[in-house]
């Protein structure tokens, strides 16, 4: 008995001769290697369908090419190889290839004062594109931090001043009395409001880079903001965190400007877009600011 040839429906002619910009798969589960970690990632993989007469692409060929990501640590060169494999397997059909890798990067962070340390999870994604032999890579990450409102701080200080006047008017000032007052509830009759905030960073890399500066990007952002959220803490760490917030009062505009300056100093970045969101504790809405450098709408 003769073996039947399996039908290849994708090779059939399309009923409508129309090219497509992107065809592929989204949400592919895949383990990837980065900085010695094996990350549980999801991958979007696709190519353009420039031959409008072709009914479809061969998605299994894209899937099989992704196996390269399981064996080697993520790098720009590795992603370029994968995209080239996409195009080689669709020669005559596609001129562009796309790849997006999303994962949670775990970094161990020390406490501010004590010897404690804990893990923080950062959502990261890597977008790579190969089109007409031009290779581009974009990194995206989210950095959580704390922000204390400068206006609220000023209003709180004024209320504390007024309480001081009320409590010490027409009284001789004694050092011991003032020290005790500063440690009482009257000495902190009002507190400024703070909020958990988030910076979303998107950067385009220079072509000469041979590795992804994700950790350096996160470190630079946290250093610029000065109030990254903490993990394991003791009271001394919590006090140091309160001091950091008090010394780094920030509107969302301030945070965006800090990030702009930090990213301009970061090596290997040729363009960036930063968006900060302060989840207001005073209002039911958020305060948002955006900044960019050499960034075009994408």
C-alpha atoms as a PDB file:
ATOM      1  CA  UNK A   1       0.000   0.000   0.000  1.00  0.00           C
ATOM      2  CA  UNK A   2       1.388   3.432  -0.979  1.00  0.00           C
ATOM      3  CA  UNK A   3       1.888   5.956   1.812  1.00  0.00           C
ATOM      4  CA  UNK A   4      -0.217   9.041   1.374  1.00  0.00           C
ATOM      5  CA  UNK A   5       1.495  12.410   1.296  1.00  0.00           C
ATOM      6  CA  UNK A   6       0.240  14.633   4.094  1.00  0.00           C
ATOM      7  CA  UNK A   7      -1.555  17.708   2.724  1.00  0.00           C
ATOM      8  CA  UNK A   8       0.168  21.082   3.079  1.00  0.00           C
ATOM      9  CA  UNK A   9      -2.744  23.508   3.161  1.00  0.00           C
ATOM     10  CA  UNK A  10      -0.477  26.481   3.917  1.00  0.00           C
ATOM     11  CA  UNK A  11       1.198  26.010   0.522  1.00  0.00           C
ATOM     12  CA  UNK A  12      -2.082  26.451  -1.322  1.00  0.00           C
ATOM     13  CA  UNK A  13      -2.815  29.721  -3.077  1.00  0.00           C
ATOM     14  CA  UNK A  14      -4.798  32.295  -1.144  1.00  0.00           C
ATOM     15  CA  UNK A  15      -8.249  33.176  -2.395  1.00  0.00           C
ATOM     16  CA  UNK A  16      -7.366  36.816  -1.753  1.00  0.00           C
ATOM     17  CA  UNK A  17      -3.919  37.955  -2.920  1.00  0.00           C
ATOM     18  CA  UNK A  18      -3.085  40.164   0.059  1.00  0.00           C
ATOM     19  CA  UNK A  19       0.258  40.424   1.950  1.00  0.00           C
ATOM     20  CA  UNK A  20       0.151  40.455   5.772  1.00  0.00           C
ATOM     21  CA  UNK A  21       2.448  42.404   8.083  1.00  0.00           C
ATOM     22  CA  UNK A  22       2.639  39.828  10.879  1.00  0.00           C
ATOM     23  CA  UNK A  23       1.709  36.164  11.155  1.00  0.00           C
ATOM     24  CA  UNK A  24       2.823  33.848  13.925  1.00  0.00           C
ATOM     25  CA  UNK A  25       2.191  32.681  17.468  1.00  0.00           C
ATOM     26  CA  UNK A  26       1.808  34.461  20.807  1.00  0.00           C
ATOM     27  CA  UNK A  27       2.227  33.204  24.358  1.00  0.00           C
ATOM     28  CA  UNK A  28       4.539  30.236  23.663  1.00  0.00           C
ATOM     29  CA  UNK A  29       5.822  28.811  26.975  1.00  0.00           C
ATOM     30  CA  UNK A  30       9.595  28.460  26.889  1.00  0.00           C
ATOM     31  CA  UNK A  31      12.474  28.313  29.399  1.00  0.00           C
ATOM     32  CA  UNK A  32      15.230  30.790  28.552  1.00  0.00           C
ATOM     33  CA  UNK A  33      18.655  31.472  30.046  1.00  0.00           C
ATOM     34  CA  UNK A  34      19.742  34.914  31.238  1.00  0.00           C
ATOM     35  CA  UNK A  35      22.592  35.864  33.572  1.00  0.00           C
ATOM     36  CA  UNK A  36      22.814  32.324  34.910  1.00  0.00           C
ATOM     37  CA  UNK A  37      19.080  32.093  35.590  1.00  0.00           C
ATOM     38  CA  UNK A  38      16.621  29.867  33.828  1.00  0.00           C
ATOM     39  CA  UNK A  39      13.507  31.984  33.403  1.00  0.00           C
ATOM     40  CA  UNK A  40       9.989  30.806  32.683  1.00  0.00           C
ATOM     41  CA  UNK A  41       9.185  32.961  29.661  1.00  0.00           C
ATOM     42  CA  UNK A  42       6.459  33.467  27.111  1.00  0.00           C
ATOM     43  CA  UNK A  43       7.466  34.093  23.532  1.00  0.00           C
ATOM     44  CA  UNK A  44       5.743  35.754  20.586  1.00  0.00           C
ATOM     45  CA  UNK A  45       7.215  34.678  17.247  1.00  0.00           C
ATOM     46  CA  UNK A  46       6.195  35.790  13.778  1.00  0.00           C
ATOM     47  CA  UNK A  47       7.145  36.773  10.272  1.00  0.00           C
ATOM     48  CA  UNK A  48       5.627  38.945   7.592  1.00  0.00           C
ATOM     49  CA  UNK A  49       3.721  37.207   4.805  1.00  0.00           C
ATOM     50  CA  UNK A  50       4.899  39.255   1.852  1.00  0.00           C
ATOM     51  CA  UNK A  51       3.770  36.770  -0.758  1.00  0.00           C
ATOM     52  CA  UNK A  52       0.115  37.690  -0.951  1.00  0.00           C
ATOM     53  CA  UNK A  53      -0.652  34.615  -3.039  1.00  0.00           C
ATOM     54  CA  UNK A  54       0.483  32.233  -0.275  1.00  0.00           C
ATOM     55  CA  UNK A  55      -2.307  31.104   2.016  1.00  0.00           C
ATOM     56  CA  UNK A  56      -0.182  30.953   5.161  1.00  0.00           C
ATOM     57  CA  UNK A  57       3.181  30.381   6.806  1.00  0.00           C
ATOM     58  CA  UNK A  58       4.666  27.258   8.421  1.00  0.00           C
ATOM     59  CA  UNK A  59       4.286  28.013  12.132  1.00  0.00           C
ATOM     60  CA  UNK A  60       5.936  24.754  13.189  1.00  0.00           C
ATOM     61  CA  UNK A  61       9.182  25.997  11.618  1.00  0.00           C
ATOM     62  CA  UNK A  62       9.107  29.050  13.860  1.00  0.00           C
ATOM     63  CA  UNK A  63       8.396  26.880  16.877  1.00  0.00           C
ATOM     64  CA  UNK A  64      11.315  24.569  16.167  1.00  0.00           C
ATOM     65  CA  UNK A  65      13.724  27.466  15.669  1.00  0.00           C
ATOM     66  CA  UNK A  66      12.936  28.634  19.212  1.00  0.00           C
ATOM     67  CA  UNK A  67      14.753  25.601  20.603  1.00  0.00           C
ATOM     68  CA  UNK A  68      17.954  27.620  20.230  1.00  0.00           C
ATOM     69  CA  UNK A  69      16.784  29.812  23.119  1.00  0.00           C
ATOM     70  CA  UNK A  70      16.747  26.847  25.497  1.00  0.00           C
ATOM     71  CA  UNK A  71      20.439  26.041  25.062  1.00  0.00           C
ATOM     72  CA  UNK A  72      22.262  29.387  25.051  1.00  0.00           C
ATOM     73  CA  UNK A  73      22.141  32.472  27.249  1.00  0.00           C
ATOM     74  CA  UNK A  74      20.118  35.327  25.778  1.00  0.00           C
ATOM     75  CA  UNK A  75      22.179  37.783  23.745  1.00  0.00           C
ATOM     76  CA  UNK A  76      21.582  40.065  20.759  1.00  0.00           C
ATOM     77  CA  UNK A  77      23.560  37.699  18.542  1.00  0.00           C
ATOM     78  CA  UNK A  78      21.464  34.695  19.601  1.00  0.00           C
ATOM     79  CA  UNK A  79      18.216  36.507  18.830  1.00  0.00           C
ATOM     80  CA  UNK A  80      19.549  37.530  15.448  1.00  0.00           C
ATOM     81  CA  UNK A  81      20.357  33.892  14.695  1.00  0.00           C
ATOM     82  CA  UNK A  82      16.823  32.855  15.612  1.00  0.00           C
ATOM     83  CA  UNK A  83      15.298  35.544  13.404  1.00  0.00           C
ATOM     84  CA  UNK A  84      17.550  34.541  10.528  1.00  0.00           C
ATOM     85  CA  UNK A  85      16.336  30.973  10.973  1.00  0.00           C
ATOM     86  CA  UNK A  86      12.750  32.246  10.782  1.00  0.00           C
ATOM     87  CA  UNK A  87      13.471  33.868   7.424  1.00  0.00           C
ATOM     88  CA  UNK A  88      15.503  30.977   6.057  1.00  0.00           C
ATOM     89  CA  UNK A  89      12.617  28.613   6.766  1.00  0.00           C
ATOM     90  CA  UNK A  90      10.228  30.991   4.959  1.00  0.00           C
ATOM     91  CA  UNK A  91      12.378  31.960   2.007  1.00  0.00           C
ATOM     92  CA  UNK A  92      10.253  33.531  -0.701  1.00  0.00           C
ATOM     93  CA  UNK A  93       7.386  34.147   1.726  1.00  0.00           C
ATOM     94  CA  UNK A  94       8.731  36.573   4.332  1.00  0.00           C
ATOM     95  CA  UNK A  95      11.110  39.527   4.420  1.00  0.00           C
ATOM     96  CA  UNK A  96      10.689  40.430   8.118  1.00  0.00           C
ATOM     97  CA  UNK A  97      10.913  38.425  11.332  1.00  0.00           C
ATOM     98  CA  UNK A  98       9.829  39.318  14.847  1.00  0.00           C
ATOM     99  CA  UNK A  99      10.462  37.928  18.318  1.00  0.00           C
ATOM    100  CA  UNK A 100       9.300  39.010  21.776  1.00  0.00           C
ATOM    101  CA  UNK A 101      10.400  37.343  25.003  1.00  0.00           C
ATOM    102  CA  UNK A 102       8.645  38.195  28.282  1.00  0.00           C
ATOM    103  CA  UNK A 103       9.688  36.927  31.709  1.00  0.00           C
ATOM    104  CA  UNK A 104      10.156  37.842  35.368  1.00  0.00           C
ATOM    105  CA  UNK A 105      13.786  38.515  36.269  1.00  0.00           C
ATOM    106  CA  UNK A 106      14.643  37.746  39.899  1.00  0.00           C
ATOM    107  CA  UNK A 107      17.303  39.891  41.576  1.00  0.00           C
ATOM    108  CA  UNK A 108      18.442  39.582  45.177  1.00  0.00           C
ATOM    109  CA  UNK A 109      18.489  42.945  46.912  1.00  0.00           C
ATOM    110  CA  UNK A 110      20.202  43.828  50.217  1.00  0.00           C
ATOM    111  CA  UNK A 111      18.398  45.747  52.937  1.00  0.00           C
ATOM    112  CA  UNK A 112      19.381  49.375  53.469  1.00  0.00           C
ATOM    113  CA  UNK A 113      21.037  48.930  56.893  1.00  0.00           C
ATOM    114  CA  UNK A 114      20.708  45.397  58.257  1.00  0.00           C
ATOM    115  CA  UNK A 115      22.403  42.304  56.780  1.00  0.00           C
ATOM    116  CA  UNK A 116      19.057  41.008  55.481  1.00  0.00           C
ATOM    117  CA  UNK A 117      18.373  40.466  51.782  1.00  0.00           C
ATOM    118  CA  UNK A 118      15.428  39.343  49.692  1.00  0.00           C
ATOM    119  CA  UNK A 119      14.333  38.708  46.130  1.00  0.00           C
ATOM    120  CA  UNK A 120      12.581  41.191  43.875  1.00  0.00           C
ATOM    121  CA  UNK A 121      10.820  40.295  40.652  1.00  0.00           C
ATOM    122  CA  UNK A 122      11.094  42.609  37.656  1.00  0.00           C
ATOM    123  CA  UNK A 123       8.882  42.161  34.618  1.00  0.00           C
ATOM    124  CA  UNK A 124      11.104  42.362  31.546  1.00  0.00           C
ATOM    125  CA  UNK A 125      10.632  41.878  27.828  1.00  0.00           C
ATOM    126  CA  UNK A 126      12.966  41.783  24.843  1.00  0.00           C
ATOM    127  CA  UNK A 127      11.662  42.720  21.397  1.00  0.00           C
ATOM    128  CA  UNK A 128      13.799  41.890  18.368  1.00  0.00           C
ATOM    129  CA  UNK A 129      13.118  42.598  14.691  1.00  0.00           C
ATOM    130  CA  UNK A 130      14.995  41.684  11.515  1.00  0.00           C
ATOM    131  CA  UNK A 131      13.791  43.506   8.428  1.00  0.00           C
ATOM    132  CA  UNK A 132      15.658  44.034   5.172  1.00  0.00           C
ATOM    133  CA  UNK A 133      18.852  42.857   6.927  1.00  0.00           C
ATOM    134  CA  UNK A 134      18.397  45.569   9.597  1.00  0.00           C
ATOM    135  CA  UNK A 135      18.414  44.199  13.141  1.00  0.00           C
ATOM    136  CA  UNK A 136      16.856  46.123  16.046  1.00  0.00           C
ATOM    137  CA  UNK A 137      16.442  45.224  19.708  1.00  0.00           C
ATOM    138  CA  UNK A 138      14.259  46.928  22.306  1.00  0.00           C
ATOM    139  CA  UNK A 139      14.274  46.209  26.036  1.00  0.00           C
ATOM    140  CA  UNK A 140      11.406  46.926  28.390  1.00  0.00           C
ATOM    141  CA  UNK A 141      11.272  46.649  32.161  1.00  0.00           C
ATOM    142  CA  UNK A 142       9.172  47.834  35.077  1.00  0.00           C
ATOM    143  CA  UNK A 143      10.767  49.282  38.220  1.00  0.00           C
ATOM    144  CA  UNK A 144       8.626  49.802  41.363  1.00  0.00           C
ATOM    145  CA  UNK A 145       9.539  52.560  43.808  1.00  0.00           C
ATOM    146  CA  UNK A 146       8.076  54.822  46.493  1.00  0.00           C
ATOM    147  CA  UNK A 147       7.249  58.485  45.979  1.00  0.00           C
ATOM    148  CA  UNK A 148       6.390  61.077  48.592  1.00  0.00           C
ATOM    149  CA  UNK A 149       4.480  64.152  47.455  1.00  0.00           C
ATOM    150  CA  UNK A 150       6.438  67.425  47.911  1.00  0.00           C
ATOM    151  CA  UNK A 151       3.235  69.456  48.258  1.00  0.00           C
ATOM    152  CA  UNK A 152       1.887  67.158  50.940  1.00  0.00           C
ATOM    153  CA  UNK A 153       5.222  67.330  52.753  1.00  0.00           C
ATOM    154  CA  UNK A 154       5.160  71.138  52.770  1.00  0.00           C
ATOM    155  CA  UNK A 155       1.574  71.211  54.053  1.00  0.00           C
ATOM    156  CA  UNK A 156       2.463  68.707  56.768  1.00  0.00           C
ATOM    157  CA  UNK A 157       5.444  70.797  57.883  1.00  0.00           C
ATOM    158  CA  UNK A 158       3.195  73.859  58.138  1.00  0.00           C
ATOM    159  CA  UNK A 159       0.751  71.978  60.383  1.00  0.00           C
ATOM    160  CA  UNK A 160       3.638  70.835  62.591  1.00  0.00           C
ATOM    161  CA  UNK A 161       4.837  74.433  62.825  1.00  0.00           C
ATOM    162  CA  UNK A 162       1.350  75.549  63.839  1.00  0.00           C
ATOM    163  CA  UNK A 163       1.146  72.792  66.455  1.00  0.00           C
ATOM    164  CA  UNK A 164       4.512  73.934  67.827  1.00  0.00           C
ATOM    165  CA  UNK A 165       3.176  77.491  68.125  1.00  0.00           C
ATOM    166  CA  UNK A 166       0.028  76.266  69.873  1.00  0.00           C
ATOM    167  CA  UNK A 167       1.961  74.104  72.344  1.00  0.00           C
ATOM    168  CA  UNK A 168       4.843  76.479  73.134  1.00  0.00           C
ATOM    169  CA  UNK A 169       3.331  79.970  72.782  1.00  0.00           C
ATOM    170  CA  UNK A 170       4.262  82.253  75.709  1.00  0.00           C
ATOM    171  CA  UNK A 171       6.423  79.505  77.263  1.00  0.00           C
ATOM    172  CA  UNK A 172      10.167  79.491  77.814  1.00  0.00           C
ATOM    173  CA  UNK A 173      11.760  76.967  75.489  1.00  0.00           C
ATOM    174  CA  UNK A 174      13.557  74.132  77.219  1.00  0.00           C
ATOM    175  CA  UNK A 175      15.687  71.669  75.260  1.00  0.00           C
ATOM    176  CA  UNK A 176      14.284  68.655  77.109  1.00  0.00           C
ATOM    177  CA  UNK A 177      10.674  69.783  76.542  1.00  0.00           C
ATOM    178  CA  UNK A 178      11.215  70.325  72.814  1.00  0.00           C
ATOM    179  CA  UNK A 179      12.962  66.965  72.447  1.00  0.00           C
ATOM    180  CA  UNK A 180      10.070  65.222  74.199  1.00  0.00           C
ATOM    181  CA  UNK A 181       7.565  67.122  72.040  1.00  0.00           C
ATOM    182  CA  UNK A 182       9.330  66.052  68.840  1.00  0.00           C
ATOM    183  CA  UNK A 183       8.926  62.425  69.929  1.00  0.00           C
ATOM    184  CA  UNK A 184       5.213  62.806  70.677  1.00  0.00           C
ATOM    185  CA  UNK A 185       2.175  62.613  68.406  1.00  0.00           C
ATOM    186  CA  UNK A 186       1.970  66.410  68.510  1.00  0.00           C
ATOM    187  CA  UNK A 187       5.452  66.601  67.039  1.00  0.00           C
ATOM    188  CA  UNK A 188       4.256  64.731  63.958  1.00  0.00           C
ATOM    189  CA  UNK A 189       0.659  65.873  63.906  1.00  0.00           C
ATOM    190  CA  UNK A 190       0.567  65.502  60.105  1.00  0.00           C
ATOM    191  CA  UNK A 191       2.381  63.214  57.681  1.00  0.00           C
ATOM    192  CA  UNK A 192       2.863  63.600  53.918  1.00  0.00           C
ATOM    193  CA  UNK A 193       1.231  61.019  51.703  1.00  0.00           C
ATOM    194  CA  UNK A 194       3.322  58.523  49.772  1.00  0.00           C
ATOM    195  CA  UNK A 195       2.408  56.044  47.101  1.00  0.00           C
ATOM    196  CA  UNK A 196       3.802  52.939  45.478  1.00  0.00           C
ATOM    197  CA  UNK A 197       4.921  54.053  42.049  1.00  0.00           C
ATOM    198  CA  UNK A 198       6.176  52.399  38.887  1.00  0.00           C
ATOM    199  CA  UNK A 199       8.536  53.340  36.110  1.00  0.00           C
ATOM    200  CA  UNK A 200       8.181  51.583  32.760  1.00  0.00           C
ATOM    201  CA  UNK A 201      11.352  51.863  30.704  1.00  0.00           C
ATOM    202  CA  UNK A 202      11.739  51.044  27.019  1.00  0.00           C
ATOM    203  CA  UNK A 203      15.172  51.371  25.437  1.00  0.00           C
ATOM    204  CA  UNK A 204      16.641  50.825  21.987  1.00  0.00           C
ATOM    205  CA  UNK A 205      20.140  49.352  22.064  1.00  0.00           C
ATOM    206  CA  UNK A 206      23.212  50.268  20.069  1.00  0.00           C
ATOM    207  CA  UNK A 207      24.088  47.765  17.374  1.00  0.00           C
ATOM    208  CA  UNK A 208      27.528  46.900  18.797  1.00  0.00           C
ATOM    209  CA  UNK A 209      26.306  45.462  22.118  1.00  0.00           C
ATOM    210  CA  UNK A 210      27.009  41.776  22.670  1.00  0.00           C
ATOM    211  CA  UNK A 211      24.823  41.383  25.782  1.00  0.00           C
ATOM    212  CA  UNK A 212      21.595  42.746  27.211  1.00  0.00           C
ATOM    213  CA  UNK A 213      22.166  45.448  29.886  1.00  0.00           C
ATOM    214  CA  UNK A 214      18.927  44.630  31.709  1.00  0.00           C
ATOM    215  CA  UNK A 215      20.422  44.473  35.200  1.00  0.00           C
ATOM    216  CA  UNK A 216      22.442  47.651  34.646  1.00  0.00           C
ATOM    217  CA  UNK A 217      19.302  49.369  33.361  1.00  0.00           C
ATOM    218  CA  UNK A 218      17.353  48.417  36.500  1.00  0.00           C
ATOM    219  CA  UNK A 219      20.232  49.408  38.789  1.00  0.00           C
ATOM    220  CA  UNK A 220      20.632  52.802  37.103  1.00  0.00           C
ATOM    221  CA  UNK A 221      16.905  53.505  37.371  1.00  0.00           C
ATOM    222  CA  UNK A 222      16.742  52.571  41.049  1.00  0.00           C
ATOM    223  CA  UNK A 223      19.820  54.658  41.841  1.00  0.00           C
ATOM    224  CA  UNK A 224      18.283  57.673  40.086  1.00  0.00           C
ATOM    225  CA  UNK A 225      14.952  57.346  41.892  1.00  0.00           C
ATOM    226  CA  UNK A 226      16.681  56.595  45.244  1.00  0.00           C
ATOM    227  CA  UNK A 227      13.563  54.995  46.785  1.00  0.00           C
ATOM    228  CA  UNK A 228      13.159  51.503  45.271  1.00  0.00           C
ATOM    229  CA  UNK A 229      10.743  49.256  47.145  1.00  0.00           C
ATOM    230  CA  UNK A 230      12.378  46.952  49.666  1.00  0.00           C
ATOM    231  CA  UNK A 231      12.262  43.236  50.451  1.00  0.00           C
ATOM    232  CA  UNK A 232      13.249  41.898  53.891  1.00  0.00           C
ATOM    233  CA  UNK A 233      13.624  44.728  56.427  1.00  0.00           C
ATOM    234  CA  UNK A 234      14.201  45.403  60.107  1.00  0.00           C
ATOM    235  CA  UNK A 235      13.174  48.583  61.886  1.00  0.00           C
ATOM    236  CA  UNK A 236      16.526  50.192  61.080  1.00  0.00           C
ATOM    237  CA  UNK A 237      15.907  49.537  57.382  1.00  0.00           C
ATOM    238  CA  UNK A 238      12.389  50.945  57.601  1.00  0.00           C
ATOM    239  CA  UNK A 239      13.761  54.071  59.263  1.00  0.00           C
ATOM    240  CA  UNK A 240      16.384  54.421  56.524  1.00  0.00           C
ATOM    241  CA  UNK A 241      13.648  54.027  53.923  1.00  0.00           C
ATOM    242  CA  UNK A 242      11.634  56.803  55.606  1.00  0.00           C
ATOM    243  CA  UNK A 243      14.735  59.002  55.496  1.00  0.00           C
ATOM    244  CA  UNK A 244      15.273  58.230  51.803  1.00  0.00           C
ATOM    245  CA  UNK A 245      11.676  59.214  51.047  1.00  0.00           C
ATOM    246  CA  UNK A 246      12.006  62.422  53.054  1.00  0.00           C
ATOM    247  CA  UNK A 247      15.209  63.356  51.218  1.00  0.00           C
ATOM    248  CA  UNK A 248      13.774  62.502  47.794  1.00  0.00           C
ATOM    249  CA  UNK A 249      10.358  64.151  47.593  1.00  0.00           C
ATOM    250  CA  UNK A 250       9.058  63.607  44.066  1.00  0.00           C
ATOM    251  CA  UNK A 251       6.227  64.639  41.837  1.00  0.00           C
ATOM    252  CA  UNK A 252       5.857  62.354  38.846  1.00  0.00           C
ATOM    253  CA  UNK A 253       7.549  65.099  36.821  1.00  0.00           C
ATOM    254  CA  UNK A 254      10.604  64.923  39.087  1.00  0.00           C
ATOM    255  CA  UNK A 255      10.836  61.156  38.723  1.00  0.00           C
ATOM    256  CA  UNK A 256      10.587  61.346  34.932  1.00  0.00           C
ATOM    257  CA  UNK A 257      13.367  63.932  34.755  1.00  0.00           C
ATOM    258  CA  UNK A 258      15.620  61.862  37.004  1.00  0.00           C
ATOM    259  CA  UNK A 259      15.172  58.853  34.755  1.00  0.00           C
ATOM    260  CA  UNK A 260      15.789  60.919  31.630  1.00  0.00           C
ATOM    261  CA  UNK A 261      19.169  62.084  32.931  1.00  0.00           C
ATOM    262  CA  UNK A 262      20.129  58.602  34.148  1.00  0.00           C
ATOM    263  CA  UNK A 263      19.254  56.900  30.859  1.00  0.00           C
ATOM    264  CA  UNK A 264      21.190  59.470  28.852  1.00  0.00           C
ATOM    265  CA  UNK A 265      24.275  58.530  30.878  1.00  0.00           C
ATOM    266  CA  UNK A 266      23.752  54.777  30.470  1.00  0.00           C
ATOM    267  CA  UNK A 267      26.107  53.242  27.876  1.00  0.00           C
ATOM    268  CA  UNK A 268      24.725  51.225  24.988  1.00  0.00           C
ATOM    269  CA  UNK A 269      21.357  53.012  24.831  1.00  0.00           C
ATOM    270  CA  UNK A 270      20.632  55.009  21.701  1.00  0.00           C
ATOM    271  CA  UNK A 271      16.982  55.851  22.378  1.00  0.00           C
ATOM    272  CA  UNK A 272      14.530  55.478  25.242  1.00  0.00           C
ATOM    273  CA  UNK A 273      11.008  56.119  26.445  1.00  0.00           C
ATOM    274  CA  UNK A 274      10.137  56.291  30.140  1.00  0.00           C
ATOM    275  CA  UNK A 275       6.686  56.416  31.736  1.00  0.00           C
ATOM    276  CA  UNK A 276       6.164  56.899  35.463  1.00  0.00           C
ATOM    277  CA  UNK A 277       2.897  56.305  37.293  1.00  0.00           C
ATOM    278  CA  UNK A 278       2.303  57.502  40.854  1.00  0.00           C
ATOM    279  CA  UNK A 279      -0.719  55.610  42.229  1.00  0.00           C
ATOM    280  CA  UNK A 280      -2.099  58.475  44.264  1.00  0.00           C
ATOM    281  CA  UNK A 281      -3.138  57.888  47.859  1.00  0.00           C
ATOM    282  CA  UNK A 282      -4.848  61.301  47.958  1.00  0.00           C
ATOM    283  CA  UNK A 283      -6.832  60.940  44.723  1.00  0.00           C
ATOM    284  CA  UNK A 284      -8.695  58.100  43.079  1.00  0.00           C
ATOM    285  CA  UNK A 285      -6.677  58.679  39.900  1.00  0.00           C
ATOM    286  CA  UNK A 286      -2.991  58.343  39.064  1.00  0.00           C
ATOM    287  CA  UNK A 287      -0.370  60.981  38.303  1.00  0.00           C
ATOM    288  CA  UNK A 288       1.585  60.161  35.129  1.00  0.00           C
ATOM    289  CA  UNK A 289       4.570  61.627  33.293  1.00  0.00           C
ATOM    290  CA  UNK A 290       6.453  60.501  30.193  1.00  0.00           C
ATOM    291  CA  UNK A 291       9.802  61.404  28.704  1.00  0.00           C
ATOM    292  CA  UNK A 292      11.856  60.172  25.769  1.00  0.00           C
ATOM    293  CA  UNK A 293      15.068  60.646  23.831  1.00  0.00           C
ATOM    294  CA  UNK A 294      15.463  59.950  20.097  1.00  0.00           C
ATOM    295  CA  UNK A 295      12.294  57.883  20.321  1.00  0.00           C
ATOM    296  CA  UNK A 296       9.942  57.531  17.380  1.00  0.00           C
ATOM    297  CA  UNK A 297       6.374  56.269  17.570  1.00  0.00           C
ATOM    298  CA  UNK A 298       6.388  52.488  17.174  1.00  0.00           C
END
